[in-house]
Amino acid sequence: MTKEDIIIIIISGIIGGAGAELFTKKVLISKYPKYFKKGDLLLDIIIKYFKKRKKKRKDDVVIVKSTISKSVNERINTKYDLRTDSNGQDIDSHSETLRQYHKILWSKALPNGKILELSDIKGNTYLYHKSELGEFFFGSDAITHSYKNHKRKQWIVRQIPSEVDELYAAGCTVGSYIIFPGNQIDGKNTINQERGCNYLIDDRFDLTLECIRRFYSGQASPLYDTLKRYKSFFDLFGNFRSYVNFFLLQDLVDEQEQIKFYLPFDDFAGPPIFSNVEDYLLYKKRVMNFIDRRNGRISKLTRSRC
């Protein structure tokens, strides 16, 4: 049973004569703890609708489902600071808003026409999918990095704290996040873990995307073995261009499917570094441009669903 099934039960219960007062946030969270949590976007929508409704209508189910679809998409706020509901902890794992945004954004048709429907009700799993497409355990991953708290880069970030803080804040919006398979295979690093630990990537997403591009074309890269463990995930998209389009990454890729690197690329000859403040400022400018454009694509996508 999905959350949407529970919503229909709730609606049907009200239509059948149960009082709307029985369906407050507290009651819903208590009665359906697996399906609803504090901060759940759907709760406000359901309750608000039934408070405004003056009498029962036969088409309540259709209306509410439509209202949910429209309202949830409208409520993806690309300016929302995801630190707000993560209580000073890691946004990827503690922002319920981000999890709902991921669920809404990436529950959509794949290139083969089949739907990647994401669920947030499986225990100890951030987002989950199981169907004929396969079984997938997803986690959230930040794809922009200010290096504000990176020990080896303190020599540079301390010189320009306001610039670093500006990039850090921009990286706390939804356009700075993506999902990857989050389950370890054979006890080895996930994609998220490996791209953070691999000294040739250093948590740079432009470099990660170059590795993904090479993976689709069968070329070696610092992340090849890690990506290969999750081949079934990348197979969902068929090819690199479709992967890029699905996750709204077009602003990091040119028409020839080459990566638009933040800084000059040395073909993984050595670790990416900032040689000076000017390097960092150029990096910052390009990362913030990517965040801004991706947030714009997210807003356009959600509007098109309404």
C-alpha atoms as a PDB file:
ATOM      1  CA  MET A   1       0.000   0.000   0.000  1.00  0.00           C
ATOM      2  CA  THR A   2       1.353   3.396  -0.987  1.00  0.00           C
ATOM      3  CA  LYS A   3       0.910   6.802   0.590  1.00  0.00           C
ATOM      4  CA  GLU A   4      -1.456   7.646  -2.247  1.00  0.00           C
ATOM      5  CA  ASP A   5      -3.605   4.613  -1.304  1.00  0.00           C
ATOM      6  CA  ILE A   6      -3.788   5.901   2.257  1.00  0.00           C
ATOM      7  CA  ILE A   7      -4.844   9.317   0.970  1.00  0.00           C
ATOM      8  CA  ILE A   8      -7.722   7.715  -0.922  1.00  0.00           C
ATOM      9  CA  ILE A   9      -8.754   5.826   2.224  1.00  0.00           C
ATOM     10  CA  ILE A  10      -8.734   9.098   4.153  1.00  0.00           C
ATOM     11  CA  ILE A  11     -10.780  10.857   1.495  1.00  0.00           C
ATOM     12  CA  SER A  12     -13.210   7.953   1.249  1.00  0.00           C
ATOM     13  CA  GLY A  13     -13.588   7.948   5.020  1.00  0.00           C
ATOM     14  CA  ILE A  14     -14.569  11.577   5.027  1.00  0.00           C
ATOM     15  CA  ILE A  15     -16.932  11.077   2.096  1.00  0.00           C
ATOM     16  CA  GLY A  16     -18.452   8.159   3.982  1.00  0.00           C
ATOM     17  CA  GLY A  17     -19.371  10.428   6.846  1.00  0.00           C
ATOM     18  CA  ALA A  18     -16.348  10.564   9.135  1.00  0.00           C
ATOM     19  CA  GLY A  19     -15.738  14.069  10.441  1.00  0.00           C
ATOM     20  CA  ALA A  20     -12.885  16.055   8.966  1.00  0.00           C
ATOM     21  CA  GLU A  21     -11.783  16.849  12.518  1.00  0.00           C
ATOM     22  CA  LEU A  22     -10.613  13.245  12.798  1.00  0.00           C
ATOM     23  CA  PHE A  23      -8.012  13.888  10.131  1.00  0.00           C
ATOM     24  CA  THR A  24      -5.755  16.433  11.775  1.00  0.00           C
ATOM     25  CA  LYS A  25      -1.982  16.307  11.380  1.00  0.00           C
ATOM     26  CA  LYS A  26      -1.570  14.729  14.791  1.00  0.00           C
ATOM     27  CA  VAL A  27      -4.108  12.003  14.092  1.00  0.00           C
ATOM     28  CA  LEU A  28      -2.750  11.208  10.625  1.00  0.00           C
ATOM     29  CA  ILE A  29       0.837  10.978  11.845  1.00  0.00           C
ATOM     30  CA  SER A  30      -0.263   8.831  14.769  1.00  0.00           C
ATOM     31  CA  LYS A  31      -2.537   6.569  12.733  1.00  0.00           C
ATOM     32  CA  TYR A  32      -0.268   6.203   9.707  1.00  0.00           C
ATOM     33  CA  PRO A  33       3.302   6.654  11.030  1.00  0.00           C
ATOM     34  CA  LYS A  34       4.776   4.723   8.113  1.00  0.00           C
ATOM     35  CA  TYR A  35       3.181   7.039   5.601  1.00  0.00           C
ATOM     36  CA  PHE A  36       3.187  10.513   7.154  1.00  0.00           C
ATOM     37  CA  LYS A  37       5.816  12.437   9.079  1.00  0.00           C
ATOM     38  CA  LYS A  38       6.103  15.909  10.502  1.00  0.00           C
ATOM     39  CA  GLY A  39       6.675  18.374   7.718  1.00  0.00           C
ATOM     40  CA  ASP A  40       5.006  16.164   5.117  1.00  0.00           C
ATOM     41  CA  LEU A  41       3.828  18.366   2.273  1.00  0.00           C
ATOM     42  CA  LEU A  42       0.729  16.260   1.590  1.00  0.00           C
ATOM     43  CA  LEU A  43      -0.801  16.704   5.031  1.00  0.00           C
ATOM     44  CA  ASP A  44      -1.385  20.422   4.689  1.00  0.00           C
ATOM     45  CA  ILE A  45      -2.935  19.927   1.268  1.00  0.00           C
ATOM     46  CA  ILE A  46      -5.416  17.255   2.399  1.00  0.00           C
ATOM     47  CA  ILE A  47      -6.457  19.065   5.561  1.00  0.00           C
ATOM     48  CA  LYS A  48      -6.721  22.452   3.895  1.00  0.00           C
ATOM     49  CA  TYR A  49      -8.982  21.048   1.194  1.00  0.00           C
ATOM     50  CA  PHE A  50     -11.453  19.475   3.613  1.00  0.00           C
ATOM     51  CA  LYS A  51     -11.567  22.532   5.834  1.00  0.00           C
ATOM     52  CA  LYS A  52     -12.584  24.663   2.841  1.00  0.00           C
ATOM     53  CA  ARG A  53     -15.069  22.150   1.433  1.00  0.00           C
ATOM     54  CA  LYS A  54     -18.608  22.991   2.545  1.00  0.00           C
ATOM     55  CA  LYS A  55     -20.296  19.732   1.618  1.00  0.00           C
ATOM     56  CA  LYS A  56     -19.468  16.258   0.368  1.00  0.00           C
ATOM     57  CA  ARG A  57     -18.953  15.821  -3.330  1.00  0.00           C
ATOM     58  CA  LYS A  58     -18.882  12.622  -5.357  1.00  0.00           C
ATOM     59  CA  ASP A  59     -15.779  13.797  -7.158  1.00  0.00           C
ATOM     60  CA  ASP A  60     -13.814  14.550  -3.967  1.00  0.00           C
ATOM     61  CA  VAL A  61     -11.244  11.857  -4.743  1.00  0.00           C
ATOM     62  CA  VAL A  62     -10.531  13.217  -8.215  1.00  0.00           C
ATOM     63  CA  ILE A  63     -10.396  16.809  -6.988  1.00  0.00           C
ATOM     64  CA  VAL A  64      -8.054  16.080  -4.096  1.00  0.00           C
ATOM     65  CA  LYS A  65      -5.719  13.965  -6.214  1.00  0.00           C
ATOM     66  CA  SER A  66      -5.521  16.819  -8.708  1.00  0.00           C
ATOM     67  CA  THR A  67      -5.046  19.331  -5.890  1.00  0.00           C
ATOM     68  CA  ILE A  68      -2.253  17.232  -4.399  1.00  0.00           C
ATOM     69  CA  SER A  69      -0.457  16.988  -7.743  1.00  0.00           C
ATOM     70  CA  LYS A  70      -0.719  20.705  -8.417  1.00  0.00           C
ATOM     71  CA  SER A  71      -0.034  21.942  -4.898  1.00  0.00           C
ATOM     72  CA  VAL A  72       2.931  19.709  -4.174  1.00  0.00           C
ATOM     73  CA  ASN A  73       4.642  20.694  -7.402  1.00  0.00           C
ATOM     74  CA  GLU A  74       3.958  24.367  -6.757  1.00  0.00           C
ATOM     75  CA  ARG A  75       5.498  23.964  -3.322  1.00  0.00           C
ATOM     76  CA  ILE A  76       8.928  22.965  -4.588  1.00  0.00           C
ATOM     77  CA  ASN A  77      10.585  26.185  -3.592  1.00  0.00           C
ATOM     78  CA  THR A  78      13.962  26.471  -5.292  1.00  0.00           C
ATOM     79  CA  LYS A  79      14.897  29.336  -2.968  1.00  0.00           C
ATOM     80  CA  TYR A  80      14.155  27.342   0.190  1.00  0.00           C
ATOM     81  CA  ASP A  81      17.194  27.000   2.476  1.00  0.00           C
ATOM     82  CA  LEU A  82      17.315  23.286   3.274  1.00  0.00           C
ATOM     83  CA  ARG A  83      19.254  23.996   6.465  1.00  0.00           C
ATOM     84  CA  THR A  84      15.933  25.201   7.877  1.00  0.00           C
ATOM     85  CA  ASP A  85      14.586  21.743   8.680  1.00  0.00           C
ATOM     86  CA  SER A  86      17.857  19.827   9.062  1.00  0.00           C
ATOM     87  CA  ASN A  87      18.505  21.331  12.502  1.00  0.00           C
ATOM     88  CA  GLY A  88      22.188  21.952  11.914  1.00  0.00           C
ATOM     89  CA  GLN A  89      22.785  18.387  10.762  1.00  0.00           C
ATOM     90  CA  ASP A  90      23.605  16.902   7.369  1.00  0.00           C
ATOM     91  CA  ILE A  91      21.003  18.101   4.858  1.00  0.00           C
ATOM     92  CA  ASP A  92      21.149  14.930   2.779  1.00  0.00           C
ATOM     93  CA  SER A  93      20.033  12.737   5.653  1.00  0.00           C
ATOM     94  CA  HIS A  94      18.063  15.108   7.900  1.00  0.00           C
ATOM     95  CA  SER A  95      16.020  17.441   5.686  1.00  0.00           C
ATOM     96  CA  GLU A  96      12.584  15.900   5.204  1.00  0.00           C
ATOM     97  CA  THR A  97      11.777  18.673   2.749  1.00  0.00           C
ATOM     98  CA  LEU A  98      14.672  17.616   0.529  1.00  0.00           C
ATOM     99  CA  ARG A  99      13.528  13.997   0.607  1.00  0.00           C
ATOM    100  CA  GLN A 100      10.023  15.020  -0.474  1.00  0.00           C
ATOM    101  CA  TYR A 101      11.480  17.212  -3.217  1.00  0.00           C
ATOM    102  CA  HIS A 102      13.573  14.291  -4.513  1.00  0.00           C
ATOM    103  CA  LYS A 103      10.537  12.020  -4.456  1.00  0.00           C
ATOM    104  CA  ILE A 104       8.454  14.507  -6.421  1.00  0.00           C
ATOM    105  CA  LEU A 105      11.136  15.440  -8.938  1.00  0.00           C
ATOM    106  CA  TRP A 106      12.483  12.023  -9.862  1.00  0.00           C
ATOM    107  CA  SER A 107       9.259   9.985  -9.751  1.00  0.00           C
ATOM    108  CA  LYS A 108       8.714  10.298 -13.471  1.00  0.00           C
ATOM    109  CA  ALA A 109       8.945   8.509 -16.787  1.00  0.00           C
ATOM    110  CA  LEU A 110      12.260   6.999 -17.800  1.00  0.00           C
ATOM    111  CA  PRO A 111      13.453   7.111 -21.441  1.00  0.00           C
ATOM    112  CA  ASN A 112      11.799   3.709 -22.016  1.00  0.00           C
ATOM    113  CA  GLY A 113       8.433   5.135 -20.938  1.00  0.00           C
ATOM    114  CA  LYS A 114       8.254   3.227 -17.647  1.00  0.00           C
ATOM    115  CA  ILE A 115       7.803   5.162 -14.416  1.00  0.00           C
ATOM    116  CA  LEU A 116      10.482   5.338 -11.742  1.00  0.00           C
ATOM    117  CA  GLU A 117       8.052   5.638  -8.830  1.00  0.00           C
ATOM    118  CA  LEU A 118       9.902   6.458  -5.624  1.00  0.00           C
ATOM    119  CA  SER A 119       8.632   5.485  -2.177  1.00  0.00           C
ATOM    120  CA  ASP A 120       9.619   6.990   1.166  1.00  0.00           C
ATOM    121  CA  ILE A 121       8.034   4.398   3.455  1.00  0.00           C
ATOM    122  CA  LYS A 122      10.559   1.544   3.467  1.00  0.00           C
ATOM    123  CA  GLY A 123      12.351   1.294   6.791  1.00  0.00           C
ATOM    124  CA  ASN A 124      15.959   2.505   6.968  1.00  0.00           C
ATOM    125  CA  THR A 125      15.804   3.594   3.336  1.00  0.00           C
ATOM    126  CA  TYR A 126      15.849   7.178   2.070  1.00  0.00           C
ATOM    127  CA  LEU A 127      13.913   6.467  -1.147  1.00  0.00           C
ATOM    128  CA  TYR A 128      13.040   3.102  -2.656  1.00  0.00           C
ATOM    129  CA  HIS A 129      11.863   1.579  -5.903  1.00  0.00           C
ATOM    130  CA  LYS A 130      10.999  -2.008  -6.771  1.00  0.00           C
ATOM    131  CA  SER A 131       9.347  -3.159  -9.977  1.00  0.00           C
ATOM    132  CA  GLU A 132      10.191  -5.035 -13.145  1.00  0.00           C
ATOM    133  CA  LEU A 133      12.887  -2.380 -13.582  1.00  0.00           C
ATOM    134  CA  GLY A 134      14.697  -3.743 -10.540  1.00  0.00           C
ATOM    135  CA  GLU A 135      15.141  -2.915  -6.868  1.00  0.00           C
ATOM    136  CA  PHE A 136      16.871   0.327  -5.961  1.00  0.00           C
ATOM    137  CA  PHE A 137      17.802   1.942  -2.651  1.00  0.00           C
ATOM    138  CA  PHE A 138      18.462   5.639  -3.155  1.00  0.00           C
ATOM    139  CA  GLY A 139      20.258   8.237  -1.081  1.00  0.00           C
ATOM    140  CA  SER A 140      20.627  11.983  -1.523  1.00  0.00           C
ATOM    141  CA  ASP A 141      23.941  13.529  -2.508  1.00  0.00           C
ATOM    142  CA  ALA A 142      25.061  17.154  -2.666  1.00  0.00           C
ATOM    143  CA  ILE A 143      26.547  17.872  -6.084  1.00  0.00           C
ATOM    144  CA  THR A 144      28.063  21.277  -5.334  1.00  0.00           C
ATOM    145  CA  HIS A 145      30.775  21.983  -2.801  1.00  0.00           C
ATOM    146  CA  SER A 146      32.057  25.212  -1.241  1.00  0.00           C
ATOM    147  CA  TYR A 147      34.843  23.424   0.673  1.00  0.00           C
ATOM    148  CA  LYS A 148      33.957  25.688   3.598  1.00  0.00           C
ATOM    149  CA  ASN A 149      34.841  22.998   6.124  1.00  0.00           C
ATOM    150  CA  HIS A 150      37.510  21.198   4.085  1.00  0.00           C
ATOM    151  CA  LYS A 151      40.672  21.118   6.211  1.00  0.00           C
ATOM    152  CA  ARG A 152      43.172  21.070   3.346  1.00  0.00           C
ATOM    153  CA  LYS A 153      41.548  24.110   1.750  1.00  0.00           C
ATOM    154  CA  GLN A 154      41.376  26.368   4.784  1.00  0.00           C
ATOM    155  CA  TRP A 155      44.391  28.289   3.502  1.00  0.00           C
ATOM    156  CA  ILE A 156      42.240  29.664   0.710  1.00  0.00           C
ATOM    157  CA  VAL A 157      38.702  29.777   2.129  1.00  0.00           C
ATOM    158  CA  ARG A 158      39.892  31.875   5.082  1.00  0.00           C
ATOM    159  CA  GLN A 159      41.063  34.551   2.676  1.00  0.00           C
ATOM    160  CA  ILE A 160      37.600  35.026   1.159  1.00  0.00           C
ATOM    161  CA  PRO A 161      35.048  33.954   3.804  1.00  0.00           C
ATOM    162  CA  SER A 162      32.134  35.956   2.380  1.00  0.00           C
ATOM    163  CA  GLU A 163      32.618  34.430  -1.074  1.00  0.00           C
ATOM    164  CA  VAL A 164      32.744  30.941   0.439  1.00  0.00           C
ATOM    165  CA  ASP A 165      29.648  31.584   2.546  1.00  0.00           C
ATOM    166  CA  GLU A 166      27.732  32.764  -0.516  1.00  0.00           C
ATOM    167  CA  LEU A 167      28.533  29.547  -2.381  1.00  0.00           C
ATOM    168  CA  TYR A 168      27.768  27.469   0.704  1.00  0.00           C
ATOM    169  CA  ALA A 169      24.319  29.078   1.010  1.00  0.00           C
ATOM    170  CA  ALA A 170      23.540  28.558  -2.684  1.00  0.00           C
ATOM    171  CA  GLY A 171      24.464  24.911  -2.189  1.00  0.00           C
ATOM    172  CA  CYS A 172      21.669  24.559   0.369  1.00  0.00           C
ATOM    173  CA  THR A 173      18.939  24.788  -2.286  1.00  0.00           C
ATOM    174  CA  VAL A 174      17.352  21.855  -4.102  1.00  0.00           C
ATOM    175  CA  GLY A 175      19.291  22.498  -7.325  1.00  0.00           C
ATOM    176  CA  SER A 176      22.430  21.334  -5.541  1.00  0.00           C
ATOM    177  CA  TYR A 177      21.209  17.795  -4.877  1.00  0.00           C
ATOM    178  CA  ILE A 178      20.722  14.545  -6.742  1.00  0.00           C
ATOM    179  CA  ILE A 179      20.016  10.913  -5.904  1.00  0.00           C
ATOM    180  CA  PHE A 180      22.348   7.967  -6.374  1.00  0.00           C
ATOM    181  CA  PRO A 181      22.002   4.332  -5.303  1.00  0.00           C
ATOM    182  CA  GLY A 182      22.788   4.427  -1.592  1.00  0.00           C
ATOM    183  CA  ASN A 183      23.340   0.746  -0.803  1.00  0.00           C
ATOM    184  CA  GLN A 184      26.808  -0.684  -0.525  1.00  0.00           C
ATOM    185  CA  ILE A 185      27.622  -3.670  -2.750  1.00  0.00           C
ATOM    186  CA  ASP A 186      30.134  -6.255  -1.491  1.00  0.00           C
ATOM    187  CA  GLY A 187      31.016  -3.870   1.337  1.00  0.00           C
ATOM    188  CA  LYS A 188      32.582  -1.359  -1.068  1.00  0.00           C
ATOM    189  CA  ASN A 189      32.044   2.380  -1.311  1.00  0.00           C
ATOM    190  CA  THR A 190      28.863   3.776  -2.803  1.00  0.00           C
ATOM    191  CA  ILE A 191      29.113   6.368  -5.587  1.00  0.00           C
ATOM    192  CA  ASN A 192      28.591   9.116  -3.027  1.00  0.00           C
ATOM    193  CA  GLN A 193      31.317   7.786  -0.754  1.00  0.00           C
ATOM    194  CA  GLU A 194      33.834   7.083  -3.498  1.00  0.00           C
ATOM    195  CA  ARG A 195      33.571  10.429  -5.238  1.00  0.00           C
ATOM    196  CA  GLY A 196      34.175  12.116  -1.888  1.00  0.00           C
ATOM    197  CA  CYS A 197      37.142   9.912  -0.997  1.00  0.00           C
ATOM    198  CA  ASN A 198      38.819   9.591  -4.396  1.00  0.00           C
ATOM    199  CA  TYR A 199      41.599  12.188  -4.513  1.00  0.00           C
ATOM    200  CA  LEU A 200      41.212  12.580  -8.289  1.00  0.00           C
ATOM    201  CA  ILE A 201      37.576  13.645  -7.872  1.00  0.00           C
ATOM    202  CA  ASP A 202      37.614  15.473  -4.528  1.00  0.00           C
ATOM    203  CA  ASP A 203      33.798  15.724  -4.473  1.00  0.00           C
ATOM    204  CA  ARG A 204      33.711  17.738  -7.698  1.00  0.00           C
ATOM    205  CA  PHE A 205      30.519  16.935  -9.613  1.00  0.00           C
ATOM    206  CA  ASP A 206      31.846  18.100 -12.981  1.00  0.00           C
ATOM    207  CA  LEU A 207      34.564  15.463 -12.611  1.00  0.00           C
ATOM    208  CA  THR A 208      32.016  12.902 -11.423  1.00  0.00           C
ATOM    209  CA  LEU A 209      29.885  13.609 -14.479  1.00  0.00           C
ATOM    210  CA  GLU A 210      32.924  13.123 -16.729  1.00  0.00           C
ATOM    211  CA  CYS A 211      33.356   9.688 -15.134  1.00  0.00           C
ATOM    212  CA  ILE A 212      29.696   8.898 -15.803  1.00  0.00           C
ATOM    213  CA  ARG A 213      30.073  10.061 -19.417  1.00  0.00           C
ATOM    214  CA  ARG A 214      33.063   7.759 -19.836  1.00  0.00           C
ATOM    215  CA  PHE A 215      31.235   4.896 -18.182  1.00  0.00           C
ATOM    216  CA  TYR A 216      28.442   5.069 -20.754  1.00  0.00           C
ATOM    217  CA  SER A 217      31.018   4.953 -23.557  1.00  0.00           C
ATOM    218  CA  GLY A 218      33.032   2.158 -21.936  1.00  0.00           C
ATOM    219  CA  GLN A 219      36.062   4.295 -21.079  1.00  0.00           C
ATOM    220  CA  ALA A 220      38.189   4.044 -17.946  1.00  0.00           C
ATOM    221  CA  SER A 221      37.990   6.676 -15.226  1.00  0.00           C
ATOM    222  CA  PRO A 222      38.774   7.022 -11.516  1.00  0.00           C
ATOM    223  CA  LEU A 223      35.179   5.992 -10.723  1.00  0.00           C
ATOM    224  CA  TYR A 224      34.723   3.270 -13.339  1.00  0.00           C
ATOM    225  CA  ASP A 225      34.752   0.281 -10.969  1.00  0.00           C
ATOM    226  CA  THR A 226      32.379   2.015  -8.570  1.00  0.00           C
ATOM    227  CA  LEU A 227      29.933   2.998 -11.318  1.00  0.00           C
ATOM    228  CA  LYS A 228      30.084  -0.525 -12.746  1.00  0.00           C
ATOM    229  CA  ARG A 229      28.750  -1.944  -9.474  1.00  0.00           C
ATOM    230  CA  TYR A 230      25.614   0.141 -10.087  1.00  0.00           C
ATOM    231  CA  LYS A 231      25.279  -0.642 -13.789  1.00  0.00           C
ATOM    232  CA  SER A 232      21.607  -1.572 -13.370  1.00  0.00           C
ATOM    233  CA  PHE A 233      20.911   1.989 -12.229  1.00  0.00           C
ATOM    234  CA  PHE A 234      22.675   3.615 -15.175  1.00  0.00           C
ATOM    235  CA  ASP A 235      20.984   1.156 -17.542  1.00  0.00           C
ATOM    236  CA  LEU A 236      17.648   2.757 -16.589  1.00  0.00           C
ATOM    237  CA  PHE A 237      18.568   5.774 -18.716  1.00  0.00           C
ATOM    238  CA  GLY A 238      20.049   3.997 -21.718  1.00  0.00           C
ATOM    239  CA  ASN A 239      22.725   6.544 -22.541  1.00  0.00           C
ATOM    240  CA  PHE A 240      24.570   9.536 -21.157  1.00  0.00           C
ATOM    241  CA  ARG A 241      22.388  12.203 -22.766  1.00  0.00           C
ATOM    242  CA  SER A 242      19.234  10.631 -21.332  1.00  0.00           C
ATOM    243  CA  TYR A 243      20.820  10.458 -17.875  1.00  0.00           C
ATOM    244  CA  VAL A 244      21.736  14.143 -18.107  1.00  0.00           C
ATOM    245  CA  ASN A 245      18.245  15.113 -19.264  1.00  0.00           C
ATOM    246  CA  PHE A 246      16.504  13.043 -16.598  1.00  0.00           C
ATOM    247  CA  PHE A 247      18.375  14.727 -13.738  1.00  0.00           C
ATOM    248  CA  LEU A 248      18.362  18.209 -15.325  1.00  0.00           C
ATOM    249  CA  LEU A 249      22.134  18.408 -15.686  1.00  0.00           C
ATOM    250  CA  GLN A 250      22.126  19.968 -19.173  1.00  0.00           C
ATOM    251  CA  ASP A 251      24.010  23.075 -18.062  1.00  0.00           C
ATOM    252  CA  LEU A 252      27.133  21.026 -17.357  1.00  0.00           C
ATOM    253  CA  VAL A 253      27.183  19.396 -20.803  1.00  0.00           C
ATOM    254  CA  ASP A 254      27.602  20.924 -24.260  1.00  0.00           C
ATOM    255  CA  GLU A 255      25.944  19.869 -27.520  1.00  0.00           C
ATOM    256  CA  GLN A 256      28.786  17.434 -28.259  1.00  0.00           C
ATOM    257  CA  GLU A 257      28.199  15.772 -24.864  1.00  0.00           C
ATOM    258  CA  GLN A 258      31.433  17.144 -23.462  1.00  0.00           C
ATOM    259  CA  ILE A 259      31.576  18.336 -19.863  1.00  0.00           C
ATOM    260  CA  LYS A 260      31.736  22.043 -19.120  1.00  0.00           C
ATOM    261  CA  PHE A 261      34.404  21.817 -16.427  1.00  0.00           C
ATOM    262  CA  TYR A 262      34.511  24.361 -13.620  1.00  0.00           C
ATOM    263  CA  LEU A 263      38.291  24.667 -13.988  1.00  0.00           C
ATOM    264  CA  PRO A 264      40.747  23.536 -16.696  1.00  0.00           C
ATOM    265  CA  PHE A 265      40.735  19.727 -16.909  1.00  0.00           C
ATOM    266  CA  ASP A 266      43.966  17.699 -16.886  1.00  0.00           C
ATOM    267  CA  ASP A 267      42.449  14.321 -17.864  1.00  0.00           C
ATOM    268  CA  PHE A 268      42.729  13.040 -14.275  1.00  0.00           C
ATOM    269  CA  ALA A 269      46.518  13.414 -14.310  1.00  0.00           C
ATOM    270  CA  GLY A 270      46.453  14.637 -10.721  1.00  0.00           C
ATOM    271  CA  PRO A 271      44.154  15.821  -7.952  1.00  0.00           C
ATOM    272  CA  PRO A 272      42.077  18.932  -8.676  1.00  0.00           C
ATOM    273  CA  ILE A 273      43.427  21.896  -6.750  1.00  0.00           C
ATOM    274  CA  PHE A 274      42.950  25.616  -6.309  1.00  0.00           C
ATOM    275  CA  SER A 275      46.266  27.287  -7.070  1.00  0.00           C
ATOM    276  CA  ASN A 276      45.107  30.669  -5.833  1.00  0.00           C
ATOM    277  CA  VAL A 277      42.100  32.779  -4.875  1.00  0.00           C
ATOM    278  CA  GLU A 278      41.372  33.517  -8.535  1.00  0.00           C
ATOM    279  CA  ASP A 279      40.924  29.794  -9.186  1.00  0.00           C
ATOM    280  CA  TYR A 280      38.418  29.547  -6.374  1.00  0.00           C
ATOM    281  CA  LEU A 281      36.473  32.599  -7.541  1.00  0.00           C
ATOM    282  CA  LEU A 282      36.235  31.206 -11.079  1.00  0.00           C
ATOM    283  CA  TYR A 283      35.105  27.861  -9.663  1.00  0.00           C
ATOM    284  CA  LYS A 284      32.545  29.623  -7.478  1.00  0.00           C
ATOM    285  CA  LYS A 285      31.159  31.643 -10.392  1.00  0.00           C
ATOM    286  CA  ARG A 286      30.635  28.551 -12.532  1.00  0.00           C
ATOM    287  CA  VAL A 287      29.168  26.437  -9.733  1.00  0.00           C
ATOM    288  CA  MET A 288      26.696  29.164  -8.772  1.00  0.00           C
ATOM    289  CA  ASN A 289      25.712  29.568 -12.405  1.00  0.00           C
ATOM    290  CA  PHE A 290      25.016  25.825 -12.576  1.00  0.00           C
ATOM    291  CA  ILE A 291      22.945  25.910  -9.363  1.00  0.00           C
ATOM    292  CA  ASP A 292      20.929  28.875 -10.613  1.00  0.00           C
ATOM    293  CA  ARG A 293      20.229  27.300 -13.984  1.00  0.00           C
ATOM    294  CA  ARG A 294      19.363  23.905 -12.531  1.00  0.00           C
ATOM    295  CA  ASN A 295      16.970  25.509 -10.065  1.00  0.00           C
ATOM    296  CA  GLY A 296      15.391  27.210 -13.070  1.00  0.00           C
ATOM    297  CA  ARG A 297      14.979  23.857 -14.794  1.00  0.00           C
ATOM    298  CA  ILE A 298      13.431  22.393 -11.644  1.00  0.00           C
ATOM    299  CA  SER A 299      10.925  25.244 -11.455  1.00  0.00           C
ATOM    300  CA  LYS A 300      10.056  24.783 -15.133  1.00  0.00           C
ATOM    301  CA  LEU A 301       9.582  21.043 -14.670  1.00  0.00           C
ATOM    302  CA  THR A 302       7.267  21.424 -11.702  1.00  0.00           C
ATOM    303  CA  ARG A 303       5.199  24.100 -13.456  1.00  0.00           C
ATOM    304  CA  SER A 304       4.752  21.815 -16.465  1.00  0.00           C
ATOM    305  CA  ARG A 305       3.236  19.131 -14.236  1.00  0.00           C
ATOM    306  CA  CYS A 306       0.519  21.401 -12.849  1.00  0.00           C
END
